[in-house]
């Protein structure tokens, strides 16, 4: 790999030229990494709902042309000035949020919300100089989340790169870098159910299924899945879900249904939908005295959470989480080790695989609700 150090690399990338239009395979020029950056050869990437949301550009300022992608695994090709913890040949996961190691959040044991590198959906260039490292015939192409993994090579800030066990199969563990860890950590790190307790999961998409997987690993005795789509229920059984509630099947509030099923409420709940209604239900369905509800889903900007203060005074706890409270560089290698030690099952999240040339199929599968995760093989 060293022959390309310091040189521009020409490679294939799937470029989004316009909102909602199929990605186009282009030859892009990828500049060498600058200060505190690394250039990574991406081997496998996968599609997350966040990519689709910003590609559709319905709720934010559109930024095109852009290279999307933020769940991936690859190998470091070269490193920029000042990078000491990574070297060419390292197996890595680029991550949409970072860990600078120096700010108050990074020094706190309780936070993963790095001041320098926390998620920024509007930035189209690199932090060091605001410039893009991608171009086509001299025209810059915007980055996405500092990762832009829908390219055979990408440049990422070193604080957004987790070095992992080189024996871990990148075509599996690439999905650890976003949705899986978000749901898993919401349960294991924030809700923290004890063995034998009951857990309700609101929303059985990829993040909700990862939250259920966390409850299974923790030894929960009952895992109640709540979703408006009954076709998700069979699939969810593989992730440890034991019972299902479809709010549409009941003429009373779902929190009341769950309280009646569980003798007063579940011990823990994890909300993975982004619906403010589901957030209120997730909070109000936990048991008084010790119940903990965790919010994961991102609400609409005008939403307001409303619940009677007595629900708090009766000793229910409401928490929020970002990326499962995992610090990207410090903690994500450990999530990969959970898979290597056979504690965490990853294969069941992967429903489809496509070659890079057919990346638009991954969008189709997700838009039709057919996939949990679709792996995109870069060399194919």
Protein backbone atom coordinates (compact mmCIF):
# COMPACT_ATOMS: atom_id res chain seq x y z
CA UNK A 1 0.00 0.00 0.00
CA UNK A 2 2.95 2.33 0.69
CA UNK A 3 3.47 3.15 -3.02
CA UNK A 4 0.44 5.45 -2.89
CA UNK A 5 1.51 7.36 0.27
CA UNK A 6 1.40 11.10 -0.36
CA UNK A 7 -0.14 10.61 -3.81
CA UNK A 8 -3.63 11.33 -5.11
CA UNK A 9 -5.53 8.03 -5.51
CA UNK A 10 -8.04 7.61 -8.32
CA UNK A 11 -10.79 5.14 -7.48
CA UNK A 12 -14.49 4.40 -7.83
CA UNK A 13 -17.08 6.13 -5.67
CA UNK A 14 -20.88 6.15 -5.68
CA UNK A 15 -21.75 9.85 -5.92
CA UNK A 16 -25.12 11.39 -5.07
CA UNK A 17 -25.49 14.28 -7.52
CA UNK A 18 -29.07 15.15 -6.55
CA UNK A 19 -31.50 14.45 -3.70
CA UNK A 20 -33.35 11.16 -4.12
CA UNK A 21 -31.69 10.27 -7.45
CA UNK A 22 -29.79 6.97 -7.87
CA UNK A 23 -26.10 7.14 -6.97
CA UNK A 24 -23.74 7.27 -9.95
CA UNK A 25 -20.45 5.34 -10.15
CA UNK A 26 -17.70 7.87 -10.84
CA UNK A 27 -13.94 7.96 -10.86
CA UNK A 28 -12.93 10.29 -8.03
CA UNK A 29 -9.60 11.70 -6.93
CA UNK A 30 -8.89 11.17 -3.24
CA UNK A 31 -6.24 13.52 -1.83
CA UNK A 32 -3.64 12.34 0.71
CA UNK A 33 -4.54 12.69 4.40
CA UNK A 34 -3.64 15.99 6.07
CA UNK A 35 -2.86 16.67 9.74
CA UNK A 36 -4.63 14.20 12.09
CA UNK A 37 -6.24 12.36 9.16
CA UNK A 38 -5.96 8.85 7.77
CA UNK A 39 -6.75 7.49 4.33
CA UNK A 40 -8.56 4.16 4.41
CA UNK A 41 -9.14 1.51 1.77
CA UNK A 42 -12.80 0.57 2.32
CA UNK A 43 -13.45 -3.16 1.84
CA UNK A 44 -17.07 -3.41 3.01
CA UNK A 45 -19.71 -0.82 3.74
CA UNK A 46 -23.39 -1.01 4.56
CA UNK A 47 -26.41 1.22 4.22
CA UNK A 48 -27.99 2.86 7.26
CA UNK A 49 -31.30 4.72 7.41
CA UNK A 50 -29.38 7.94 8.15
CA UNK A 51 -27.75 7.76 4.70
CA UNK A 52 -31.19 7.40 3.10
CA UNK A 53 -32.63 10.27 5.16
CA UNK A 54 -29.94 12.74 4.07
CA UNK A 55 -29.94 11.42 0.49
CA UNK A 56 -33.69 12.13 0.31
CA UNK A 57 -32.93 15.59 1.81
CA UNK A 58 -36.47 16.10 3.06
CA UNK A 59 -35.73 17.61 6.45
CA UNK A 60 -32.47 19.54 6.11
CA UNK A 61 -30.36 21.77 3.90
CA UNK A 62 -29.37 19.69 0.88
CA UNK A 63 -25.63 19.40 0.22
CA UNK A 64 -24.78 17.88 -3.17
CA UNK A 65 -22.83 16.39 -4.87
CA UNK A 66 -21.97 14.19 -1.92
CA UNK A 67 -20.47 10.80 -1.09
CA UNK A 68 -22.62 9.14 1.56
CA UNK A 69 -21.84 6.09 3.72
CA UNK A 70 -20.79 5.76 7.36
CA UNK A 71 -20.98 2.07 8.33
CA UNK A 72 -17.85 0.39 7.03
CA UNK A 73 -14.70 -1.60 7.59
CA UNK A 74 -11.34 -1.17 5.91
CA UNK A 75 -7.57 -1.01 6.12
CA UNK A 76 -5.45 2.09 6.72
CA UNK A 77 -3.56 3.01 3.52
CA UNK A 78 -1.63 6.01 4.87
CA UNK A 79 -1.65 8.46 7.78
CA UNK A 80 -1.22 12.23 7.95
CA UNK A 81 0.99 14.36 10.17
CA UNK A 82 0.50 13.91 13.90
CA UNK A 83 -1.23 10.50 13.72
CA UNK A 84 0.54 8.20 16.17
CA UNK A 85 -2.05 5.59 17.16
CA UNK A 86 -2.75 4.23 13.65
CA UNK A 87 -0.49 2.97 10.90
CA UNK A 88 -0.80 1.56 7.38
CA UNK A 89 -2.23 -1.97 7.43
CA UNK A 90 -4.36 -1.50 10.58
CA UNK A 91 -7.87 -2.93 10.35
CA UNK A 92 -10.31 -0.19 11.24
CA UNK A 93 -13.93 0.95 11.43
CA UNK A 94 -14.55 4.61 10.47
CA UNK A 95 -17.21 6.10 12.76
CA UNK A 96 -19.64 9.01 12.24
CA UNK A 97 -18.72 10.57 15.59
CA UNK A 98 -15.35 10.87 17.24
CA UNK A 99 -13.11 10.94 20.28
CA UNK A 100 -10.42 13.63 20.28
CA UNK A 101 -9.12 12.52 23.68
CA UNK A 102 -8.60 16.07 24.95
CA UNK A 103 -12.01 17.74 25.57
CA UNK A 104 -14.09 17.59 28.80
CA UNK A 105 -16.43 15.00 27.23
CA UNK A 106 -13.53 12.72 26.28
CA UNK A 107 -12.08 13.07 29.80
CA UNK A 108 -15.46 12.20 31.33
CA UNK A 109 -16.22 8.54 31.99
CA UNK A 110 -19.91 9.33 31.50
CA UNK A 111 -19.91 10.99 28.08
CA UNK A 112 -19.03 10.11 24.48
CA UNK A 113 -20.10 13.48 23.02
CA UNK A 114 -16.69 14.81 21.97
CA UNK A 115 -16.63 18.60 21.56
CA UNK A 116 -14.43 18.48 18.45
CA UNK A 117 -15.72 15.43 16.60
CA UNK A 118 -19.32 14.81 17.61
CA UNK A 119 -21.67 14.14 14.70
CA UNK A 120 -22.10 17.04 12.28
CA UNK A 121 -24.47 16.40 9.38
CA UNK A 122 -23.92 19.77 7.71
CA UNK A 123 -20.14 19.72 7.36
CA UNK A 124 -19.07 18.90 3.80
CA UNK A 125 -15.32 19.19 4.30
CA UNK A 126 -12.65 18.11 6.77
CA UNK A 127 -12.23 19.80 10.17
CA UNK A 128 -8.53 20.63 9.60
CA UNK A 129 -9.10 23.08 6.74
CA UNK A 130 -12.78 22.87 5.75
CA UNK A 131 -11.77 21.46 2.37
CA UNK A 132 -12.95 18.24 0.71
CA UNK A 133 -10.48 15.44 0.02
CA UNK A 134 -12.66 14.22 -2.88
CA UNK A 135 -12.83 15.75 -6.34
CA UNK A 136 -13.92 14.92 -9.88
CA UNK A 137 -11.98 16.80 -12.58
CA UNK A 138 -11.07 19.46 -10.03
CA UNK A 139 -14.62 19.94 -8.72
CA UNK A 140 -14.92 19.16 -4.98
CA UNK A 141 -17.40 16.52 -3.81
CA UNK A 142 -18.84 16.94 -0.31
CA UNK A 143 -18.08 14.55 2.55
CA UNK A 144 -20.81 13.05 4.77
CA UNK A 145 -20.41 12.66 8.56
CA UNK A 146 -16.63 12.80 8.10
CA UNK A 147 -16.66 9.21 6.78
CA UNK A 148 -17.99 8.99 3.17
CA UNK A 149 -17.56 5.23 2.89
CA UNK A 150 -19.31 4.80 -0.48
CA UNK A 151 -15.87 5.20 -2.02
CA UNK A 152 -13.07 2.66 -2.47
CA UNK A 153 -10.80 5.08 -0.56
CA UNK A 154 -11.80 7.74 1.91
CA UNK A 155 -10.12 10.23 4.26
CA UNK A 156 -11.26 10.38 7.89
CA UNK A 157 -10.10 12.27 11.00
CA UNK A 158 -8.02 9.87 13.10
CA UNK A 159 -10.31 10.53 16.09
CA UNK A 160 -13.15 8.92 14.12
CA UNK A 161 -11.27 5.68 13.44
CA UNK A 162 -11.48 2.62 15.73
CA UNK A 163 -8.62 0.15 15.38
CA UNK A 164 -9.97 -3.39 15.73
CA UNK A 165 -8.78 -7.00 15.95
CA UNK A 166 -7.31 -7.88 12.51
CA UNK A 167 -8.84 -11.37 12.79
CA UNK A 168 -12.39 -9.95 12.87
CA UNK A 169 -14.20 -10.42 9.52
CA UNK A 170 -14.75 -6.93 8.14
CA UNK A 171 -17.74 -8.07 6.08
CA UNK A 172 -19.56 -8.71 9.38
CA UNK A 173 -18.17 -6.26 11.93
CA UNK A 174 -18.51 -3.25 9.61
CA UNK A 175 -22.10 -2.89 10.90
CA UNK A 176 -20.79 -2.35 14.45
CA UNK A 177 -19.78 1.19 13.47
CA UNK A 178 -23.30 2.70 13.70
CA UNK A 179 -26.76 1.16 14.14
CA UNK A 180 -25.83 -2.03 15.92
CA UNK A 181 -23.77 -0.26 18.60
CA UNK A 182 -26.41 2.46 19.02
CA UNK A 183 -29.10 -0.07 19.98
CA UNK A 184 -26.85 -2.52 21.80
CA UNK A 185 -25.28 0.19 23.97
CA UNK A 186 -28.64 1.82 24.73
CA UNK A 187 -29.60 -1.40 26.50
CA UNK A 188 -26.27 -2.60 27.93
CA UNK A 189 -24.73 0.78 28.87
CA UNK A 190 -27.76 2.96 29.67
CA UNK A 191 -30.88 0.91 30.48
CA UNK A 192 -28.69 -1.77 32.14
CA UNK A 193 -31.35 -4.44 32.73
CA UNK A 194 -30.48 -7.00 35.38
CA UNK A 195 -30.69 -10.72 34.67
CA UNK A 196 -34.32 -11.85 34.81
CA UNK A 197 -35.84 -8.39 34.32
CA UNK A 198 -38.37 -7.39 31.64
CA UNK A 199 -37.55 -5.02 28.78
CA UNK A 200 -39.85 -3.34 26.22
CA UNK A 201 -38.35 -2.31 22.87
CA UNK A 202 -40.27 0.32 20.88
CA UNK A 203 -39.50 0.02 17.15
CA UNK A 204 -38.11 -3.18 15.63
CA UNK A 205 -35.91 -1.74 12.89
CA UNK A 206 -32.16 -2.37 12.92
CA UNK A 207 -31.50 -0.23 16.02
CA UNK A 208 -34.44 -1.72 17.94
CA UNK A 209 -33.33 -5.26 17.08
CA UNK A 210 -29.84 -4.36 18.35
CA UNK A 211 -31.43 -3.09 21.58
CA UNK A 212 -33.27 -6.43 21.85
CA UNK A 213 -29.97 -8.25 21.27
CA UNK A 214 -28.57 -6.25 24.20
CA UNK A 215 -31.48 -7.34 26.38
CA UNK A 216 -30.89 -10.97 25.32
CA UNK A 217 -27.18 -10.71 26.21
CA UNK A 218 -28.09 -9.14 29.59
CA UNK A 219 -30.33 -12.12 30.39
CA UNK A 220 -33.72 -10.38 30.33
CA UNK A 221 -36.55 -12.83 31.03
CA UNK A 222 -39.15 -11.03 28.90
CA UNK A 223 -38.41 -8.87 25.87
CA UNK A 224 -41.57 -7.19 24.58
CA UNK A 225 -41.38 -5.80 21.05
CA UNK A 226 -43.68 -2.89 20.18
CA UNK A 227 -44.18 -2.06 16.50
CA UNK A 228 -46.96 -0.97 14.13
CA UNK A 229 -45.71 -3.42 11.48
CA UNK A 230 -46.67 -7.03 12.37
CA UNK A 231 -44.43 -8.43 9.62
CA UNK A 232 -41.45 -7.53 11.82
CA UNK A 233 -42.51 -9.82 14.65
CA UNK A 234 -41.29 -13.16 13.26
CA UNK A 235 -37.87 -11.74 12.45
CA UNK A 236 -37.57 -10.21 15.92
CA UNK A 237 -37.80 -13.63 17.60
CA UNK A 238 -34.24 -14.32 16.39
CA UNK A 239 -33.10 -11.35 18.48
CA UNK A 240 -34.62 -12.63 21.71
CA UNK A 241 -38.01 -10.88 21.53
CA UNK A 242 -40.49 -13.05 23.42
CA UNK A 243 -43.77 -11.11 23.06
CA UNK A 244 -45.24 -8.56 20.69
CA UNK A 245 -47.59 -5.63 21.02
CA UNK A 246 -49.06 -3.81 18.04
CA UNK A 247 -50.64 -0.56 19.34
CA UNK A 248 -53.18 -0.77 16.49
CA UNK A 249 -54.64 -3.97 18.01
CA UNK A 250 -55.73 -2.21 21.23
CA UNK A 251 -58.28 0.44 22.07
CA UNK A 252 -56.33 1.63 25.12
CA UNK A 253 -52.92 3.35 25.38
CA UNK A 254 -50.05 0.94 24.79
CA UNK A 255 -48.44 1.89 28.10
CA UNK A 256 -51.58 0.59 29.84
CA UNK A 257 -51.48 -2.63 27.79
CA UNK A 258 -47.85 -3.22 28.83
CA UNK A 259 -48.53 -2.37 32.48
CA UNK A 260 -51.33 -4.96 32.53
CA UNK A 261 -49.09 -7.58 30.87
CA UNK A 262 -46.27 -7.05 33.39
CA UNK A 263 -47.99 -6.49 36.73
CA UNK A 264 -47.41 -2.73 36.83
CA UNK A 265 -44.87 -2.08 34.09
CA UNK A 266 -41.61 -3.29 32.57
CA UNK A 267 -38.33 -2.87 34.40
CA UNK A 268 -36.63 -1.19 31.42
CA UNK A 269 -37.74 0.22 28.07
CA UNK A 270 -35.77 1.39 25.03
CA UNK A 271 -37.39 3.65 22.42
CA UNK A 272 -35.94 3.36 18.89
CA UNK A 273 -38.52 5.06 16.65
CA UNK A 274 -38.09 8.84 16.88
CA UNK A 275 -41.87 9.19 17.39
CA UNK A 276 -42.52 11.48 20.34
CA UNK A 277 -45.70 9.48 21.04
CA UNK A 278 -43.60 6.30 21.36
CA UNK A 279 -41.17 8.15 23.65
CA UNK A 280 -43.98 9.08 26.04
CA UNK A 281 -45.33 5.51 25.91
CA UNK A 282 -41.87 4.05 26.56
CA UNK A 283 -41.48 6.24 29.65
CA UNK A 284 -44.96 5.70 31.02
CA UNK A 285 -44.84 1.91 30.59
CA UNK A 286 -41.95 1.37 33.04
CA UNK A 287 -42.63 0.28 36.61
CA UNK A 288 -42.78 2.88 39.34
CA UNK A 289 -40.02 2.69 41.95
CA UNK A 290 -37.27 1.42 39.67
CA UNK A 291 -38.28 1.60 36.00
CA UNK A 292 -35.83 3.14 33.53
CA UNK A 293 -36.74 4.31 30.02
CA UNK A 294 -34.07 5.16 27.44
CA UNK A 295 -34.68 7.34 24.37
CA UNK A 296 -32.64 6.51 21.25
CA UNK A 297 -34.77 7.73 18.31
CA UNK A 298 -34.29 11.25 16.95
CA UNK A 299 -37.51 13.33 17.11
CA UNK A 300 -38.71 15.99 14.68
CA UNK A 301 -37.47 19.47 15.55
CA UNK A 302 -40.83 20.82 16.74
CA UNK A 303 -41.72 17.83 18.94
CA UNK A 304 -42.34 18.30 22.67
CA UNK A 305 -42.24 15.52 25.27
CA UNK A 306 -45.19 15.75 27.68
CA UNK A 307 -45.79 13.56 30.71
CA UNK A 308 -47.21 14.31 34.15
CA UNK A 309 -44.52 15.15 36.74
CA UNK A 310 -45.98 12.47 39.05
CA UNK A 311 -44.53 9.87 36.67
CA UNK A 312 -41.08 11.11 37.72
CA UNK A 313 -41.99 11.62 41.37
CA UNK A 314 -43.09 7.98 41.47
CA UNK A 315 -39.44 7.08 40.82
CA UNK A 316 -39.39 6.38 37.12
CA UNK A 317 -36.21 7.45 35.33
CA UNK A 318 -35.95 8.84 31.81
CA UNK A 319 -32.57 8.84 30.04
CA UNK A 320 -31.27 9.72 26.61
CA UNK A 321 -28.35 8.21 24.77
CA UNK A 322 -26.16 8.95 21.77
CA UNK A 323 -24.39 6.09 19.93
CA UNK A 324 -25.14 3.74 22.85
CA UNK A 325 -22.81 5.77 25.12
CA UNK A 326 -19.83 4.10 23.40
CA UNK A 327 -16.65 6.14 22.98
CA UNK A 328 -15.64 5.33 19.39
CA UNK A 329 -11.92 4.67 19.77
CA UNK A 330 -11.96 3.37 23.36
CA UNK A 331 -15.07 1.16 23.37
CA UNK A 332 -15.91 -0.02 19.84
CA UNK A 333 -12.97 -2.47 19.64
CA UNK A 334 -14.55 -4.16 22.68
CA UNK A 335 -17.89 -4.54 20.89
CA UNK A 336 -16.02 -6.34 18.08
CA UNK A 337 -14.46 -8.61 20.73
CA UNK A 338 -17.96 -9.49 22.01
CA UNK A 339 -18.63 -10.85 18.51
CA UNK A 340 -15.29 -12.66 18.38
CA UNK A 341 -16.08 -14.26 21.78
CA UNK A 342 -19.50 -15.39 20.47
CA UNK A 343 -21.44 -13.25 22.98
CA UNK A 344 -22.87 -11.00 20.25
CA UNK A 345 -24.53 -12.43 17.14
CA UNK A 346 -23.99 -10.23 14.08
CA UNK A 347 -24.88 -12.48 11.15
CA UNK A 348 -28.63 -12.30 11.80
CA UNK A 349 -28.57 -8.52 11.17
CA UNK A 350 -27.21 -9.04 7.65
CA UNK A 351 -30.08 -9.84 5.30
CA UNK A 352 -28.59 -8.89 1.92
CA UNK A 353 -25.23 -8.52 0.15
CA UNK A 354 -24.61 -6.63 -3.10
CA UNK A 355 -21.52 -5.73 -5.14
CA UNK A 356 -20.48 -2.06 -5.05
CA UNK A 357 -21.60 -1.65 -8.67
CA UNK A 358 -25.18 -2.44 -7.54
CA UNK A 359 -25.25 -0.15 -4.49
CA UNK A 360 -28.60 1.33 -5.56
CA UNK A 361 -30.19 -2.07 -4.84
CA UNK A 362 -29.31 -1.55 -1.16
CA UNK A 363 -31.38 1.65 -1.21
CA UNK A 364 -34.28 -0.23 -2.84
CA UNK A 365 -34.19 -2.97 -0.17
CA UNK A 366 -34.23 -0.40 2.62
CA UNK A 367 -36.96 1.79 1.08
CA UNK A 368 -39.15 -1.30 0.66
CA UNK A 369 -38.48 -2.34 4.27
CA UNK A 370 -36.99 -5.67 3.15
CA UNK A 371 -33.53 -5.38 4.72
CA UNK A 372 -32.10 -4.99 8.19
CA UNK A 373 -28.57 -4.49 6.88
CA UNK A 374 -27.27 -4.87 3.33
CA UNK A 375 -23.51 -5.35 3.01
CA UNK A 376 -21.90 -3.69 -0.02
CA UNK A 377 -18.73 -5.44 -1.19
CA UNK A 378 -16.33 -2.84 -2.53
CA UNK A 379 -14.10 -5.06 -4.65
CA UNK A 380 -17.04 -6.60 -6.48
